[in-house]
Amino acid sequence: MARVAQITGGASGVDLAVCVSLAAPVWQIAVVDETLTREQHIAIELNGTYALVNVTVCENTG
């Protein structure tokens, strides 16, 4: 069973390095960010997935 790593801002810098280091048969990489251009390419190269998200918005649900 593969482990899943969800990495925000995974298309550059330290986050990209984490994506690359975890991209192995054991890990399934999910790259998420506000823009998808680079994230799509990174996820495809690492055989992972990508998603468009905004992690700067905090909603109080409770």
PDB file of N, CA and C in Angstrom:
ATOM      1  N   MET A   1       0.848  -1.179   0.000  1.00  0.00           N
ATOM      2  CA  MET A   1       0.000   0.000   0.000  1.00  0.00           C
ATOM      3  C   MET A   1       0.894   1.243   0.000  1.00  0.00           C
ATOM      4  N   ALA A   2       0.593   2.183  -0.885  1.00  0.00           N
ATOM      5  CA  ALA A   2       1.374   3.411  -0.987  1.00  0.00           C
ATOM      6  C   ALA A   2       1.005   4.391   0.113  1.00  0.00           C
ATOM      7  N   ARG A   3       1.977   5.110   0.576  1.00  0.00           N
ATOM      8  CA  ARG A   3       1.743   6.226   1.503  1.00  0.00           C
ATOM      9  C   ARG A   3       1.479   7.465   0.667  1.00  0.00           C
ATOM     10  N   VAL A   4       0.696   8.402   1.209  1.00  0.00           N
ATOM     11  CA  VAL A   4       0.350   9.621   0.486  1.00  0.00           C
ATOM     12  C   VAL A   4       1.003  10.813   1.157  1.00  0.00           C
ATOM     13  N   ALA A   5       1.658  11.663   0.357  1.00  0.00           N
ATOM     14  CA  ALA A   5       2.242  12.909   0.841  1.00  0.00           C
ATOM     15  C   ALA A   5       1.565  14.053   0.106  1.00  0.00           C
ATOM     16  N   GLN A   6       0.879  14.932   0.843  1.00  0.00           N
ATOM     17  CA  GLN A   6       0.265  16.119   0.246  1.00  0.00           C
ATOM     18  C   GLN A   6       1.175  17.285   0.553  1.00  0.00           C
ATOM     19  N   ILE A   7       1.707  17.925  -0.478  1.00  0.00           N
ATOM     20  CA  ILE A   7       2.692  18.981  -0.304  1.00  0.00           C
ATOM     21  C   ILE A   7       2.161  20.270  -0.901  1.00  0.00           C
ATOM     22  N   THR A   8       1.955  21.279  -0.034  1.00  0.00           N
ATOM     23  CA  THR A   8       1.480  22.579  -0.506  1.00  0.00           C
ATOM     24  C   THR A   8       2.671  23.372  -1.028  1.00  0.00           C
ATOM     25  N   GLY A   9       2.454  24.072  -2.133  1.00  0.00           N
ATOM     26  CA  GLY A   9       3.531  24.851  -2.726  1.00  0.00           C
ATOM     27  C   GLY A   9       4.640  23.963  -3.250  1.00  0.00           C
ATOM     28  N   GLY A  10       4.308  22.788  -3.721  1.00  0.00           N
ATOM     29  CA  GLY A  10       5.306  21.793  -4.068  1.00  0.00           C
ATOM     30  C   GLY A  10       6.029  21.986  -5.379  1.00  0.00           C
ATOM     31  N   ALA A  11       5.879  23.118  -6.031  1.00  0.00           N
ATOM     32  CA  ALA A  11       6.498  23.294  -7.347  1.00  0.00           C
ATOM     33  C   ALA A  11       7.835  24.009  -7.302  1.00  0.00           C
ATOM     34  N   SER A  12       8.266  24.437  -6.122  1.00  0.00           N
ATOM     35  CA  SER A  12       9.544  25.142  -6.070  1.00  0.00           C
ATOM     36  C   SER A  12      10.143  25.057  -4.666  1.00  0.00           C
ATOM     37  N   GLY A  13      11.402  25.407  -4.594  1.00  0.00           N
ATOM     38  CA  GLY A  13      12.096  25.512  -3.317  1.00  0.00           C
ATOM     39  C   GLY A  13      12.165  24.220  -2.518  1.00  0.00           C
ATOM     40  N   VAL A  14      12.103  24.371  -1.210  1.00  0.00           N
ATOM     41  CA  VAL A  14      12.195  23.233  -0.295  1.00  0.00           C
ATOM     42  C   VAL A  14      11.053  22.258  -0.539  1.00  0.00           C
ATOM     43  N   ASP A  15       9.863  22.774  -0.813  1.00  0.00           N
ATOM     44  CA  ASP A  15       8.709  21.899  -1.049  1.00  0.00           C
ATOM     45  C   ASP A  15       8.925  20.999  -2.263  1.00  0.00           C
ATOM     46  N   LEU A  16       9.531  21.529  -3.315  1.00  0.00           N
ATOM     47  CA  LEU A  16       9.852  20.716  -4.484  1.00  0.00           C
ATOM     48  C   LEU A  16      10.863  19.639  -4.117  1.00  0.00           C
ATOM     49  N   ALA A  17      11.855  19.995  -3.323  1.00  0.00           N
ATOM     50  CA  ALA A  17      12.855  19.016  -2.886  1.00  0.00           C
ATOM     51  C   ALA A  17      12.204  17.887  -2.093  1.00  0.00           C
ATOM     52  N   VAL A  18      11.209  18.221  -1.271  1.00  0.00           N
ATOM     53  CA  VAL A  18      10.481  17.192  -0.515  1.00  0.00           C
ATOM     54  C   VAL A  18       9.724  16.283  -1.484  1.00  0.00           C
ATOM     55  N   CYS A  19       9.062  16.860  -2.473  1.00  0.00           N
ATOM     56  CA  CYS A  19       8.341  16.057  -3.473  1.00  0.00           C
ATOM     57  C   CYS A  19       9.275  15.072  -4.150  1.00  0.00           C
ATOM     58  N   VAL A  20      10.406  15.569  -4.597  1.00  0.00           N
ATOM     59  CA  VAL A  20      11.351  14.722  -5.324  1.00  0.00           C
ATOM     60  C   VAL A  20      11.902  13.632  -4.420  1.00  0.00           C
ATOM     61  N   SER A  21      12.224  13.968  -3.169  1.00  0.00           N
ATOM     62  CA  SER A  21      12.811  12.968  -2.280  1.00  0.00           C
ATOM     63  C   SER A  21      11.800  11.892  -1.875  1.00  0.00           C
ATOM     64  N   LEU A  22      10.524  12.239  -1.808  1.00  0.00           N
ATOM     65  CA  LEU A  22       9.511  11.255  -1.426  1.00  0.00           C
ATOM     66  C   LEU A  22       8.978  10.448  -2.603  1.00  0.00           C
ATOM     67  N   ALA A  23       9.201  10.939  -3.808  1.00  0.00           N
ATOM     68  CA  ALA A  23       8.674  10.262  -4.990  1.00  0.00           C
ATOM     69  C   ALA A  23       9.405   8.939  -5.190  1.00  0.00           C
ATOM     70  N   ALA A  24       8.828   7.918  -4.684  1.00  0.00           N
ATOM     71  CA  ALA A  24       9.391   6.571  -4.758  1.00  0.00           C
ATOM     72  C   ALA A  24       8.215   5.606  -4.839  1.00  0.00           C
ATOM     73  N   PRO A  25       8.483   4.347  -5.069  1.00  0.00           N
ATOM     74  CA  PRO A  25       7.376   3.390  -5.155  1.00  0.00           C
ATOM     75  C   PRO A  25       6.491   3.352  -3.904  1.00  0.00           C
ATOM     76  N   VAL A  26       7.013   3.793  -2.783  1.00  0.00           N
ATOM     77  CA  VAL A  26       6.255   3.731  -1.530  1.00  0.00           C
ATOM     78  C   VAL A  26       5.327   4.932  -1.365  1.00  0.00           C
ATOM     79  N   TRP A  27       5.656   6.071  -1.968  1.00  0.00           N
ATOM     80  CA  TRP A  27       4.903   7.313  -1.768  1.00  0.00           C
ATOM     81  C   TRP A  27       4.113   7.712  -3.002  1.00  0.00           C
ATOM     82  N   GLN A  28       2.884   8.161  -2.790  1.00  0.00           N
ATOM     83  CA  GLN A  28       2.064   8.789  -3.831  1.00  0.00           C
ATOM     84  C   GLN A  28       2.065  10.280  -3.520  1.00  0.00           C
ATOM     85  N   ILE A  29       2.527  11.107  -4.442  1.00  0.00           N
ATOM     86  CA  ILE A  29       2.678  12.543  -4.218  1.00  0.00           C
ATOM     87  C   ILE A  29       1.442  13.286  -4.713  1.00  0.00           C
ATOM     88  N   ALA A  30       0.924  14.199  -3.881  1.00  0.00           N
ATOM     89  CA  ALA A  30      -0.156  15.109  -4.277  1.00  0.00           C
ATOM     90  C   ALA A  30       0.371  16.531  -4.112  1.00  0.00           C
ATOM     91  N   VAL A  31       0.563  17.238  -5.222  1.00  0.00           N
ATOM     92  CA  VAL A  31       1.088  18.595  -5.214  1.00  0.00           C
ATOM     93  C   VAL A  31      -0.089  19.558  -5.285  1.00  0.00           C
ATOM     94  N   VAL A  32      -0.196  20.453  -4.305  1.00  0.00           N
ATOM     95  CA  VAL A  32      -1.312  21.402  -4.279  1.00  0.00           C
ATOM     96  C   VAL A  32      -0.791  22.828  -4.131  1.00  0.00           C
ATOM     97  N   ASP A  33      -1.440  23.763  -4.822  1.00  0.00           N
ATOM     98  CA  ASP A  33      -1.051  25.171  -4.751  1.00  0.00           C
ATOM     99  C   ASP A  33      -2.150  26.027  -5.369  1.00  0.00           C
ATOM    100  N   GLU A  34      -1.930  27.353  -5.355  1.00  0.00           N
ATOM    101  CA  GLU A  34      -2.900  28.293  -5.929  1.00  0.00           C
ATOM    102  C   GLU A  34      -2.848  28.333  -7.447  1.00  0.00           C
ATOM    103  N   THR A  35      -1.718  27.990  -8.023  1.00  0.00           N
ATOM    104  CA  THR A  35      -1.576  27.933  -9.476  1.00  0.00           C
ATOM    105  C   THR A  35      -1.178  26.515  -9.860  1.00  0.00           C
ATOM    106  N   LEU A  36      -1.550  26.112 -11.051  1.00  0.00           N
ATOM    107  CA  LEU A  36      -1.313  24.721 -11.412  1.00  0.00           C
ATOM    108  C   LEU A  36      -0.294  24.504 -12.524  1.00  0.00           C
ATOM    109  N   THR A  37       0.205  25.533 -13.124  1.00  0.00           N
ATOM    110  CA  THR A  37       1.082  25.335 -14.268  1.00  0.00           C
ATOM    111  C   THR A  37       2.282  24.455 -13.923  1.00  0.00           C
ATOM    112  N   ARG A  38       3.108  24.883 -12.983  1.00  0.00           N
ATOM    113  CA  ARG A  38       4.285  24.082 -12.602  1.00  0.00           C
ATOM    114  C   ARG A  38       3.879  22.829 -11.843  1.00  0.00           C
ATOM    115  N   GLU A  39       2.841  22.933 -11.015  1.00  0.00           N
ATOM    116  CA  GLU A  39       2.417  21.791 -10.217  1.00  0.00           C
ATOM    117  C   GLU A  39       2.021  20.624 -11.101  1.00  0.00           C
ATOM    118  N   GLN A  40       1.336  20.910 -12.202  1.00  0.00           N
ATOM    119  CA  GLN A  40       0.937  19.855 -13.132  1.00  0.00           C
ATOM    120  C   GLN A  40       2.162  19.121 -13.667  1.00  0.00           C
ATOM    121  N   HIS A  41       3.159  19.890 -14.087  1.00  0.00           N
ATOM    122  CA  HIS A  41       4.361  19.285 -14.659  1.00  0.00           C
ATOM    123  C   HIS A  41       5.127  18.472 -13.610  1.00  0.00           C
ATOM    124  N   ILE A  42       5.249  19.014 -12.404  1.00  0.00           N
ATOM    125  CA  ILE A  42       5.955  18.303 -11.333  1.00  0.00           C
ATOM    126  C   ILE A  42       5.231  17.012 -10.994  1.00  0.00           C
ATOM    127  N   ALA A  43       3.914  17.094 -10.822  1.00  0.00           N
ATOM    128  CA  ALA A  43       3.139  15.908 -10.462  1.00  0.00           C
ATOM    129  C   ALA A  43       3.233  14.844 -11.548  1.00  0.00           C
ATOM    130  N   ILE A  44       3.165  15.249 -12.803  1.00  0.00           N
ATOM    131  CA  ILE A  44       3.258  14.294 -13.904  1.00  0.00           C
ATOM    132  C   ILE A  44       4.639  13.642 -13.926  1.00  0.00           C
ATOM    133  N   GLU A  45       5.687  14.432 -13.740  1.00  0.00           N
ATOM    134  CA  GLU A  45       7.043  13.893 -13.726  1.00  0.00           C
ATOM    135  C   GLU A  45       7.238  12.886 -12.590  1.00  0.00           C
ATOM    136  N   LEU A  46       6.571  13.111 -11.463  1.00  0.00           N
ATOM    137  CA  LEU A  46       6.747  12.252 -10.295  1.00  0.00           C
ATOM    138  C   LEU A  46       5.662  11.180 -10.196  1.00  0.00           C
ATOM    139  N   ASN A  47       4.857  11.047 -11.250  1.00  0.00           N
ATOM    140  CA  ASN A  47       3.770  10.075 -11.270  1.00  0.00           C
ATOM    141  C   ASN A  47       2.791  10.310 -10.116  1.00  0.00           C
ATOM    142  N   GLY A  48       2.503  11.575  -9.859  1.00  0.00           N
ATOM    143  CA  GLY A  48       1.599  11.931  -8.764  1.00  0.00           C
ATOM    144  C   GLY A  48       0.362  12.644  -9.271  1.00  0.00           C
ATOM    145  N   THR A  49      -0.300  13.353  -8.374  1.00  0.00           N
ATOM    146  CA  THR A  49      -1.498  14.108  -8.706  1.00  0.00           C
ATOM    147  C   THR A  49      -1.302  15.566  -8.307  1.00  0.00           C
ATOM    148  N   TYR A  50      -2.208  16.428  -8.762  1.00  0.00           N
ATOM    149  CA  TYR A  50      -2.137  17.845  -8.416  1.00  0.00           C
ATOM    150  C   TYR A  50      -3.545  18.374  -8.199  1.00  0.00           C
ATOM    151  N   ALA A  51      -3.626  19.471  -7.439  1.00  0.00           N
ATOM    152  CA  ALA A  51      -4.925  20.092  -7.167  1.00  0.00           C
ATOM    153  C   ALA A  51      -4.750  21.582  -6.947  1.00  0.00           C
ATOM    154  N   LEU A  52      -5.754  22.337  -7.348  1.00  0.00           N
ATOM    155  CA  LEU A  52      -5.786  23.777  -7.144  1.00  0.00           C
ATOM    156  C   LEU A  52      -6.446  24.063  -5.798  1.00  0.00           C
ATOM    157  N   VAL A  53      -5.712  24.682  -4.880  1.00  0.00           N
ATOM    158  CA  VAL A  53      -6.251  25.021  -3.566  1.00  0.00           C
ATOM    159  C   VAL A  53      -5.721  26.368  -3.115  1.00  0.00           C
ATOM    160  N   ASN A  54      -6.449  26.997  -2.222  1.00  0.00           N
ATOM    161  CA  ASN A  54      -6.006  28.233  -1.589  1.00  0.00           C
ATOM    162  C   ASN A  54      -5.904  27.948  -0.090  1.00  0.00           C
ATOM    163  N   VAL A  55      -4.692  27.787   0.400  1.00  0.00           N
ATOM    164  CA  VAL A  55      -4.509  27.453   1.815  1.00  0.00           C
ATOM    165  C   VAL A  55      -4.374  28.695   2.689  1.00  0.00           C
ATOM    166  N   THR A  56      -4.558  29.885   2.110  1.00  0.00           N
ATOM    167  CA  THR A  56      -4.457  31.105   2.905  1.00  0.00           C
ATOM    168  C   THR A  56      -5.790  31.505   3.525  1.00  0.00           C
ATOM    169  N   VAL A  57      -6.871  30.878   3.091  1.00  0.00           N
ATOM    170  CA  VAL A  57      -8.199  31.209   3.607  1.00  0.00           C
ATOM    171  C   VAL A  57      -8.535  30.263   4.743  1.00  0.00           C
ATOM    172  N   CYS A  58      -8.871  30.829   5.882  1.00  0.00           N
ATOM    173  CA  CYS A  58      -9.237  30.019   7.036  1.00  0.00           C
ATOM    174  C   CYS A  58     -10.703  30.300   7.376  1.00  0.00           C
ATOM    175  N   GLU A  59     -11.509  29.272   7.376  1.00  0.00           N
ATOM    176  CA  GLU A  59     -12.914  29.426   7.723  1.00  0.00           C
ATOM    177  C   GLU A  59     -13.171  28.735   9.047  1.00  0.00           C
ATOM    178  N   ASN A  60     -13.808  29.433   9.952  1.00  0.00           N
ATOM    179  CA  ASN A  60     -14.150  28.850  11.249  1.00  0.00           C
ATOM    180  C   ASN A  60     -15.479  28.118  11.105  1.00  0.00           C
ATOM    181  N   THR A  61     -15.428  26.807  11.217  1.00  0.00           N
ATOM    182  CA  THR A  61     -16.636  26.013  11.016  1.00  0.00           C
ATOM    183  C   THR A  61     -17.271  25.583  12.329  1.00  0.00           C
ATOM    184  N   GLY A  62     -16.700  26.019  13.426  1.00  0.00           N
ATOM    185  CA  GLY A  62     -17.241  25.438  14.606  1.00  0.00           C
ATOM    186  C   GLY A  62     -17.512  26.246  15.753  1.00  0.00           C
TER     187      GLY A  62
END
